[in-house]
Amino acid sequence: MLQSKFIETVVGVFIAIGLAALLMLSMKVSNLSSLASEDGYVIKARFLNIGGLKIRSPVKMAGVVIGRVTDIYIDEKTYDAVAELTIDDDFNNIPEDTSANIYTAGLLGEQYISLAPGGEETYLEAGGVIKITSDAVVLEQLIGQFLYSKAAGDNKGDL
């Protein structure tokens, strides 16, 4: 009887540890663990198409995460998509002529914003806007263009 309760207790502790590990893993995958550190300054970037970019997507420079996307909305005057980026205070020397590109991690991975620093000696401040941007590459559009060009190429011999 005593050995049975000991085994049940050990199994219960093992299941609790497994559930805690699963919870931590799911928070890490969904970027919820990074919500605690939102210290930094906000800059904006305008795009014609942001593809599948989401709030909490990483902002990287040279492959290093330097911030997160904290808001995405449509500018009512220009109808551009505006991404608000919260950059960590440690990275306060980003040149004004920095460019922002939306890339995909892997073939079907999450999208992120990559910053390529320029050569200006003045730096972006809180509320600054990145003027040089490149839109997201939408896989469906690429496939459509490829299929259209193949169909147009096949019809050239019929003339």
N, C-alpha and C. Protein backbone atom coordinates (compact mmCIF):
# COMPACT_ATOMS: atom_id res chain seq x y z
N MET A 1 0.82 -1.20 0.00
CA MET A 1 0.00 0.00 0.00
C MET A 1 0.87 1.26 0.00
N LEU A 2 1.91 1.29 0.83
CA LEU A 2 2.80 2.44 0.92
C LEU A 2 3.59 2.61 -0.38
N GLN A 3 4.02 1.48 -0.96
CA GLN A 3 4.78 1.54 -2.21
C GLN A 3 3.88 2.03 -3.35
N SER A 4 2.62 1.70 -3.34
CA SER A 4 1.67 2.12 -4.37
C SER A 4 1.48 3.64 -4.34
N LYS A 5 1.35 4.22 -3.15
CA LYS A 5 1.20 5.67 -3.04
C LYS A 5 2.48 6.38 -3.47
N PHE A 6 3.63 5.81 -3.19
CA PHE A 6 4.90 6.40 -3.62
C PHE A 6 4.99 6.43 -5.14
N ILE A 7 4.61 5.33 -5.78
CA ILE A 7 4.64 5.26 -7.25
C ILE A 7 3.66 6.27 -7.84
N GLU A 8 2.47 6.39 -7.25
CA GLU A 8 1.49 7.36 -7.75
C GLU A 8 2.01 8.78 -7.60
N THR A 9 2.69 9.08 -6.50
CA THR A 9 3.25 10.41 -6.29
C THR A 9 4.35 10.71 -7.31
N VAL A 10 5.22 9.75 -7.56
CA VAL A 10 6.30 9.94 -8.53
C VAL A 10 5.72 10.16 -9.93
N VAL A 11 4.72 9.37 -10.30
CA VAL A 11 4.09 9.53 -11.60
C VAL A 11 3.41 10.90 -11.69
N GLY A 12 2.76 11.35 -10.64
CA GLY A 12 2.13 12.67 -10.62
C GLY A 12 3.13 13.79 -10.79
N VAL A 13 4.27 13.70 -10.09
CA VAL A 13 5.32 14.71 -10.22
C VAL A 13 5.89 14.70 -11.64
N PHE A 14 6.09 13.53 -12.21
CA PHE A 14 6.62 13.42 -13.57
C PHE A 14 5.66 14.05 -14.58
N ILE A 15 4.36 13.82 -14.42
CA ILE A 15 3.37 14.41 -15.33
C ILE A 15 3.33 15.93 -15.16
N ALA A 16 3.43 16.42 -13.93
CA ALA A 16 3.43 17.86 -13.69
C ALA A 16 4.64 18.52 -14.35
N ILE A 17 5.81 17.89 -14.26
CA ILE A 17 7.03 18.43 -14.90
C ILE A 17 6.86 18.42 -16.42
N GLY A 18 6.27 17.36 -16.95
CA GLY A 18 6.04 17.28 -18.39
C GLY A 18 5.09 18.36 -18.87
N LEU A 19 4.01 18.61 -18.12
CA LEU A 19 3.07 19.65 -18.50
C LEU A 19 3.71 21.04 -18.42
N ALA A 20 4.53 21.28 -17.40
CA ALA A 20 5.23 22.56 -17.28
C ALA A 20 6.19 22.76 -18.45
N ALA A 21 6.90 21.71 -18.84
CA ALA A 21 7.81 21.80 -19.98
C ALA A 21 7.04 22.07 -21.27
N LEU A 22 5.90 21.43 -21.44
CA LEU A 22 5.06 21.65 -22.62
C LEU A 22 4.54 23.09 -22.66
N LEU A 23 4.16 23.64 -21.53
CA LEU A 23 3.70 25.02 -21.44
C LEU A 23 4.82 25.98 -21.82
N MET A 24 6.01 25.76 -21.30
CA MET A 24 7.16 26.62 -21.62
C MET A 24 7.49 26.54 -23.10
N LEU A 25 7.44 25.36 -23.68
CA LEU A 25 7.73 25.19 -25.09
C LEU A 25 6.71 25.91 -25.96
N SER A 26 5.43 25.81 -25.60
CA SER A 26 4.40 26.49 -26.39
C SER A 26 4.53 28.00 -26.28
N MET A 27 4.92 28.52 -25.12
CA MET A 27 5.14 29.96 -24.97
C MET A 27 6.34 30.41 -25.79
N LYS A 28 7.37 29.62 -25.84
CA LYS A 28 8.56 29.96 -26.61
C LYS A 28 8.25 29.98 -28.10
N VAL A 29 7.49 29.00 -28.57
CA VAL A 29 7.15 28.91 -29.99
C VAL A 29 6.26 30.07 -30.41
N SER A 30 5.33 30.50 -29.56
CA SER A 30 4.40 31.56 -29.91
C SER A 30 4.92 32.94 -29.54
N ASN A 31 6.16 33.07 -29.12
CA ASN A 31 6.79 34.34 -28.77
C ASN A 31 6.13 35.04 -27.58
N LEU A 32 5.36 34.33 -26.78
CA LEU A 32 4.74 34.96 -25.62
C LEU A 32 5.74 35.22 -24.51
N SER A 33 6.85 34.53 -24.51
CA SER A 33 7.84 34.74 -23.46
C SER A 33 8.52 36.08 -23.59
N SER A 34 8.48 36.68 -24.78
CA SER A 34 9.16 37.96 -24.99
C SER A 34 8.28 39.16 -24.64
N LEU A 35 7.06 38.93 -24.20
CA LEU A 35 6.19 40.04 -23.88
C LEU A 35 6.66 40.81 -22.65
N ALA A 36 7.40 40.18 -21.79
CA ALA A 36 7.84 40.83 -20.57
C ALA A 36 8.84 41.94 -20.84
N SER A 37 9.65 41.80 -21.88
CA SER A 37 10.68 42.80 -22.14
C SER A 37 10.26 43.68 -23.32
N GLU A 38 9.42 44.68 -23.05
CA GLU A 38 9.01 45.61 -24.08
C GLU A 38 9.65 46.96 -23.85
N ASP A 39 10.80 47.03 -23.19
CA ASP A 39 11.52 48.28 -23.03
C ASP A 39 12.20 48.60 -24.34
N GLY A 40 12.16 49.84 -24.71
CA GLY A 40 12.80 50.26 -25.94
C GLY A 40 12.10 51.47 -26.51
N TYR A 41 12.45 51.79 -27.74
CA TYR A 41 11.84 52.93 -28.41
C TYR A 41 11.14 52.45 -29.68
N VAL A 42 10.13 53.18 -30.09
CA VAL A 42 9.28 52.78 -31.21
C VAL A 42 9.66 53.56 -32.45
N ILE A 43 9.85 52.84 -33.55
CA ILE A 43 10.02 53.44 -34.87
C ILE A 43 8.99 52.81 -35.80
N LYS A 44 8.77 53.43 -36.94
CA LYS A 44 7.75 52.94 -37.87
C LYS A 44 8.38 52.63 -39.23
N ALA A 45 7.75 51.70 -39.94
CA ALA A 45 8.14 51.38 -41.31
C ALA A 45 6.87 51.18 -42.12
N ARG A 46 6.84 51.75 -43.33
CA ARG A 46 5.66 51.66 -44.20
C ARG A 46 5.93 50.66 -45.32
N PHE A 47 4.93 49.81 -45.58
CA PHE A 47 5.04 48.79 -46.62
C PHE A 47 3.76 48.79 -47.45
N LEU A 48 3.87 48.44 -48.74
CA LEU A 48 2.69 48.25 -49.58
C LEU A 48 2.02 46.93 -49.26
N ASN A 49 2.83 45.92 -48.90
CA ASN A 49 2.30 44.58 -48.60
C ASN A 49 3.17 43.97 -47.51
N ILE A 50 2.55 43.62 -46.39
CA ILE A 50 3.33 43.01 -45.30
C ILE A 50 3.22 41.49 -45.29
N GLY A 51 2.47 40.91 -46.23
CA GLY A 51 2.34 39.46 -46.30
C GLY A 51 1.75 38.90 -45.02
N GLY A 52 2.43 37.94 -44.41
CA GLY A 52 1.95 37.30 -43.19
C GLY A 52 2.63 37.81 -41.93
N LEU A 53 3.19 39.01 -41.98
CA LEU A 53 3.85 39.58 -40.80
C LEU A 53 2.83 39.75 -39.69
N LYS A 54 3.23 39.42 -38.47
CA LYS A 54 2.32 39.47 -37.33
C LYS A 54 2.93 40.29 -36.20
N ILE A 55 2.06 40.71 -35.30
CA ILE A 55 2.53 41.37 -34.09
C ILE A 55 3.37 40.36 -33.31
N ARG A 56 4.45 40.81 -32.71
CA ARG A 56 5.45 40.02 -31.97
C ARG A 56 6.44 39.32 -32.89
N SER A 57 6.37 39.59 -34.20
CA SER A 57 7.40 39.05 -35.10
C SER A 57 8.72 39.73 -34.78
N PRO A 58 9.82 39.01 -34.93
CA PRO A 58 11.12 39.60 -34.58
C PRO A 58 11.57 40.66 -35.58
N VAL A 59 12.34 41.60 -35.08
CA VAL A 59 13.06 42.57 -35.90
C VAL A 59 14.52 42.23 -35.74
N LYS A 60 15.20 41.95 -36.87
CA LYS A 60 16.59 41.50 -36.81
C LYS A 60 17.50 42.46 -37.55
N MET A 61 18.74 42.51 -37.10
CA MET A 61 19.80 43.22 -37.80
C MET A 61 21.00 42.29 -37.79
N ALA A 62 21.49 41.95 -38.96
CA ALA A 62 22.61 41.01 -39.11
C ALA A 62 22.30 39.67 -38.45
N GLY A 63 21.03 39.28 -38.46
CA GLY A 63 20.61 38.00 -37.90
C GLY A 63 20.37 38.01 -36.41
N VAL A 64 20.61 39.14 -35.75
CA VAL A 64 20.42 39.25 -34.30
C VAL A 64 19.09 39.94 -34.02
N VAL A 65 18.28 39.37 -33.13
CA VAL A 65 17.00 39.98 -32.77
C VAL A 65 17.27 41.23 -31.94
N ILE A 66 16.81 42.38 -32.46
CA ILE A 66 17.01 43.65 -31.77
C ILE A 66 15.70 44.28 -31.32
N GLY A 67 14.58 43.63 -31.66
CA GLY A 67 13.29 44.18 -31.28
C GLY A 67 12.15 43.30 -31.75
N ARG A 68 10.94 43.85 -31.65
CA ARG A 68 9.72 43.12 -32.04
C ARG A 68 8.76 44.07 -32.73
N VAL A 69 7.91 43.51 -33.57
CA VAL A 69 6.81 44.27 -34.16
C VAL A 69 5.73 44.37 -33.08
N THR A 70 5.35 45.60 -32.73
CA THR A 70 4.39 45.77 -31.65
C THR A 70 3.00 46.20 -32.13
N ASP A 71 2.89 46.68 -33.37
CA ASP A 71 1.59 47.06 -33.89
C ASP A 71 1.64 47.09 -35.41
N ILE A 72 0.53 46.77 -36.04
CA ILE A 72 0.40 46.83 -37.50
C ILE A 72 -0.96 47.45 -37.79
N TYR A 73 -0.98 48.46 -38.64
CA TYR A 73 -2.23 49.10 -39.00
C TYR A 73 -2.13 49.71 -40.39
N ILE A 74 -3.28 50.16 -40.93
CA ILE A 74 -3.35 50.79 -42.25
C ILE A 74 -3.37 52.31 -42.07
N ASP A 75 -2.52 53.01 -42.80
CA ASP A 75 -2.55 54.47 -42.82
C ASP A 75 -3.77 54.88 -43.64
N GLU A 76 -4.65 55.68 -43.05
CA GLU A 76 -5.91 56.03 -43.70
C GLU A 76 -5.74 56.98 -44.88
N LYS A 77 -4.60 57.67 -44.98
CA LYS A 77 -4.38 58.59 -46.10
C LYS A 77 -3.71 57.91 -47.28
N THR A 78 -2.69 57.12 -47.02
CA THR A 78 -1.92 56.51 -48.11
C THR A 78 -2.30 55.05 -48.36
N TYR A 79 -3.04 54.45 -47.46
CA TYR A 79 -3.43 53.04 -47.52
C TYR A 79 -2.22 52.10 -47.50
N ASP A 80 -1.13 52.58 -46.94
CA ASP A 80 0.03 51.72 -46.73
C ASP A 80 -0.14 50.98 -45.40
N ALA A 81 0.50 49.82 -45.31
CA ALA A 81 0.56 49.11 -44.03
C ALA A 81 1.71 49.72 -43.23
N VAL A 82 1.45 50.06 -41.99
CA VAL A 82 2.47 50.65 -41.12
C VAL A 82 2.76 49.65 -40.01
N ALA A 83 4.03 49.30 -39.88
CA ALA A 83 4.47 48.40 -38.81
C ALA A 83 5.21 49.24 -37.78
N GLU A 84 4.77 49.15 -36.54
CA GLU A 84 5.49 49.82 -35.45
C GLU A 84 6.45 48.81 -34.84
N LEU A 85 7.71 49.20 -34.77
CA LEU A 85 8.76 48.33 -34.27
C LEU A 85 9.29 48.87 -32.96
N THR A 86 9.30 48.04 -31.94
CA THR A 86 9.92 48.43 -30.68
C THR A 86 11.33 47.86 -30.66
N ILE A 87 12.30 48.75 -30.67
CA ILE A 87 13.71 48.39 -30.71
C ILE A 87 14.28 48.48 -29.31
N ASP A 88 15.06 47.48 -28.90
CA ASP A 88 15.68 47.48 -27.57
C ASP A 88 16.55 48.72 -27.40
N ASP A 89 16.58 49.26 -26.20
CA ASP A 89 17.37 50.46 -25.91
C ASP A 89 18.86 50.27 -26.18
N ASP A 90 19.34 49.03 -26.14
CA ASP A 90 20.76 48.77 -26.40
C ASP A 90 21.15 49.13 -27.83
N PHE A 91 20.17 49.18 -28.75
CA PHE A 91 20.44 49.44 -30.16
C PHE A 91 19.90 50.82 -30.53
N ASN A 92 20.49 51.85 -29.96
CA ASN A 92 20.00 53.21 -30.18
C ASN A 92 20.82 53.98 -31.21
N ASN A 93 21.65 53.27 -31.97
CA ASN A 93 22.47 53.94 -32.98
C ASN A 93 22.21 53.38 -34.38
N ILE A 94 20.92 53.31 -34.74
CA ILE A 94 20.52 52.83 -36.06
C ILE A 94 20.48 54.04 -36.99
N PRO A 95 21.27 54.03 -38.07
CA PRO A 95 21.31 55.19 -38.97
C PRO A 95 19.95 55.50 -39.59
N GLU A 96 19.72 56.78 -39.93
CA GLU A 96 18.45 57.21 -40.50
C GLU A 96 18.16 56.59 -41.86
N ASP A 97 19.20 56.27 -42.62
CA ASP A 97 18.97 55.70 -43.95
C ASP A 97 18.98 54.17 -43.95
N THR A 98 18.60 53.60 -42.82
CA THR A 98 18.47 52.14 -42.71
C THR A 98 17.30 51.67 -43.55
N SER A 99 17.44 50.50 -44.17
CA SER A 99 16.33 49.93 -44.94
C SER A 99 15.72 48.76 -44.18
N ALA A 100 14.43 48.55 -44.42
CA ALA A 100 13.69 47.46 -43.77
C ALA A 100 13.13 46.54 -44.84
N ASN A 101 13.37 45.24 -44.69
CA ASN A 101 12.87 44.22 -45.62
C ASN A 101 12.10 43.18 -44.82
N ILE A 102 11.05 42.64 -45.43
CA ILE A 102 10.29 41.56 -44.80
C ILE A 102 10.75 40.26 -45.43
N TYR A 103 11.26 39.37 -44.61
CA TYR A 103 11.75 38.07 -45.07
C TYR A 103 10.99 36.95 -44.37
N THR A 104 11.13 35.75 -44.92
CA THR A 104 10.53 34.56 -44.33
C THR A 104 11.64 33.66 -43.84
N ALA A 105 11.52 33.16 -42.61
CA ALA A 105 12.50 32.23 -42.05
C ALA A 105 12.20 30.85 -42.61
N GLY A 106 13.01 30.38 -43.54
CA GLY A 106 12.78 29.08 -44.16
C GLY A 106 11.72 29.18 -45.24
N LEU A 107 11.33 28.05 -45.80
CA LEU A 107 10.36 28.05 -46.89
C LEU A 107 8.96 28.42 -46.42
N LEU A 108 8.53 27.87 -45.31
CA LEU A 108 7.19 28.15 -44.79
C LEU A 108 7.22 28.70 -43.37
N GLY A 109 8.34 29.30 -42.98
CA GLY A 109 8.49 29.77 -41.61
C GLY A 109 7.82 31.11 -41.36
N GLU A 110 8.04 31.65 -40.17
CA GLU A 110 7.45 32.92 -39.80
C GLU A 110 8.14 34.06 -40.53
N GLN A 111 7.44 35.16 -40.69
CA GLN A 111 8.03 36.32 -41.33
C GLN A 111 8.61 37.24 -40.27
N TYR A 112 9.66 37.96 -40.65
CA TYR A 112 10.31 38.89 -39.74
C TYR A 112 10.80 40.09 -40.54
N ILE A 113 11.13 41.16 -39.84
CA ILE A 113 11.68 42.36 -40.49
C ILE A 113 13.18 42.36 -40.27
N SER A 114 13.90 42.53 -41.35
CA SER A 114 15.35 42.62 -41.29
C SER A 114 15.76 44.06 -41.60
N LEU A 115 16.57 44.64 -40.74
CA LEU A 115 17.06 46.00 -40.94
C LEU A 115 18.48 45.94 -41.47
N ALA A 116 18.73 46.71 -42.53
CA ALA A 116 20.08 46.83 -43.10
C ALA A 116 20.54 48.27 -42.87
N PRO A 117 21.55 48.47 -42.01
CA PRO A 117 21.96 49.83 -41.67
C PRO A 117 22.57 50.56 -42.86
N GLY A 118 22.32 51.85 -42.91
CA GLY A 118 22.89 52.70 -43.93
C GLY A 118 24.17 53.34 -43.44
N GLY A 119 24.56 54.45 -44.07
CA GLY A 119 25.82 55.10 -43.74
C GLY A 119 25.68 56.46 -43.10
N GLU A 120 24.44 56.90 -42.83
CA GLU A 120 24.23 58.21 -42.21
C GLU A 120 24.88 58.28 -40.83
N GLU A 121 25.24 59.50 -40.45
CA GLU A 121 25.82 59.69 -39.12
C GLU A 121 24.77 60.17 -38.12
N THR A 122 23.54 60.40 -38.60
CA THR A 122 22.44 60.71 -37.69
C THR A 122 21.62 59.45 -37.49
N TYR A 123 21.04 59.30 -36.32
CA TYR A 123 20.38 58.06 -35.94
C TYR A 123 18.88 58.24 -35.81
N LEU A 124 18.15 57.14 -36.02
CA LEU A 124 16.71 57.13 -35.81
C LEU A 124 16.41 57.32 -34.33
N GLU A 125 15.43 58.14 -34.04
CA GLU A 125 15.00 58.37 -32.67
C GLU A 125 13.60 57.82 -32.50
N ALA A 126 13.11 57.84 -31.28
CA ALA A 126 11.74 57.38 -31.01
C ALA A 126 10.76 58.15 -31.88
N GLY A 127 9.87 57.43 -32.55
CA GLY A 127 8.90 58.05 -33.45
C GLY A 127 9.41 58.22 -34.86
N GLY A 128 10.66 57.85 -35.12
CA GLY A 128 11.24 57.97 -36.45
C GLY A 128 10.61 56.99 -37.43
N VAL A 129 10.79 57.27 -38.72
CA VAL A 129 10.21 56.43 -39.77
C VAL A 129 11.33 55.94 -40.68
N ILE A 130 11.34 54.65 -40.93
CA ILE A 130 12.26 54.06 -41.91
C ILE A 130 11.67 54.32 -43.28
N LYS A 131 12.41 55.04 -44.13
CA LYS A 131 11.88 55.46 -45.42
C LYS A 131 12.14 54.44 -46.53
N ILE A 132 13.16 53.63 -46.40
CA ILE A 132 13.52 52.66 -47.45
C ILE A 132 13.01 51.29 -47.00
N THR A 133 11.97 50.80 -47.68
CA THR A 133 11.40 49.51 -47.31
C THR A 133 11.22 48.64 -48.55
N SER A 134 11.18 47.36 -48.33
CA SER A 134 10.93 46.38 -49.38
C SER A 134 9.82 45.46 -48.89
N ASP A 135 8.80 45.29 -49.71
CA ASP A 135 7.62 44.52 -49.30
C ASP A 135 7.91 43.03 -49.18
N ALA A 136 6.96 42.36 -48.57
CA ALA A 136 7.05 40.91 -48.41
C ALA A 136 6.86 40.23 -49.76
N VAL A 137 7.56 39.12 -49.95
CA VAL A 137 7.36 38.31 -51.15
C VAL A 137 6.25 37.31 -50.82
N VAL A 138 5.17 37.39 -51.58
CA VAL A 138 4.02 36.51 -51.34
C VAL A 138 4.16 35.31 -52.27
N LEU A 139 4.24 34.13 -51.68
CA LEU A 139 4.48 32.91 -52.44
C LEU A 139 3.41 32.66 -53.50
N GLU A 140 2.17 32.95 -53.18
CA GLU A 140 1.08 32.74 -54.15
C GLU A 140 1.26 33.61 -55.39
N GLN A 141 1.73 34.86 -55.19
CA GLN A 141 1.95 35.74 -56.33
C GLN A 141 3.09 35.23 -57.21
N LEU A 142 4.14 34.74 -56.57
CA LEU A 142 5.27 34.19 -57.34
C LEU A 142 4.84 32.99 -58.17
N ILE A 143 4.06 32.11 -57.57
CA ILE A 143 3.60 30.92 -58.30
C ILE A 143 2.69 31.35 -59.45
N GLY A 144 1.82 32.31 -59.22
CA GLY A 144 0.94 32.81 -60.27
C GLY A 144 1.71 33.42 -61.42
N GLN A 145 2.74 34.22 -61.10
CA GLN A 145 3.56 34.82 -62.16
C GLN A 145 4.31 33.75 -62.94
N PHE A 146 4.81 32.75 -62.25
CA PHE A 146 5.55 31.67 -62.91
C PHE A 146 4.62 30.90 -63.85
N LEU A 147 3.44 30.55 -63.38
CA LEU A 147 2.50 29.80 -64.21
C LEU A 147 2.03 30.65 -65.40
N TYR A 148 1.82 31.94 -65.18
CA TYR A 148 1.41 32.81 -66.27
C TYR A 148 2.51 32.93 -67.32
N SER A 149 3.76 33.08 -66.86
CA SER A 149 4.87 33.20 -67.82
C SER A 149 5.08 31.90 -68.58
N LYS A 150 4.88 30.76 -67.93
CA LYS A 150 5.00 29.47 -68.63
C LYS A 150 3.89 29.32 -69.65
N ALA A 151 2.67 29.72 -69.30
CA ALA A 151 1.55 29.61 -70.24
C ALA A 151 1.76 30.55 -71.42
N ALA A 152 2.26 31.76 -71.17
CA ALA A 152 2.51 32.71 -72.26
C ALA A 152 3.65 32.21 -73.14
N GLY A 153 4.65 31.57 -72.54
CA GLY A 153 5.78 31.02 -73.31
C GLY A 153 5.35 29.85 -74.18
N ASP A 154 4.42 29.05 -73.69
CA ASP A 154 3.94 27.91 -74.47
C ASP A 154 3.12 28.35 -75.67
N ASN A 155 2.43 29.49 -75.55
CA ASN A 155 1.57 29.98 -76.63
C ASN A 155 2.35 30.71 -77.72
N LYS A 156 3.59 31.07 -77.50
CA LYS A 156 4.38 31.80 -78.47
C LYS A 156 4.63 30.96 -79.75
N GLY A 157 4.74 29.69 -79.59
CA GLY A 157 4.98 28.82 -80.74
C GLY A 157 3.77 28.66 -81.62
N ASP A 158 2.58 29.05 -81.11
CA ASP A 158 1.34 28.89 -81.87
C ASP A 158 1.12 30.01 -82.86
N LEU A 159 1.89 31.08 -82.80
CA LEU A 159 1.67 32.23 -83.69
C LEU A 159 2.12 31.91 -85.02
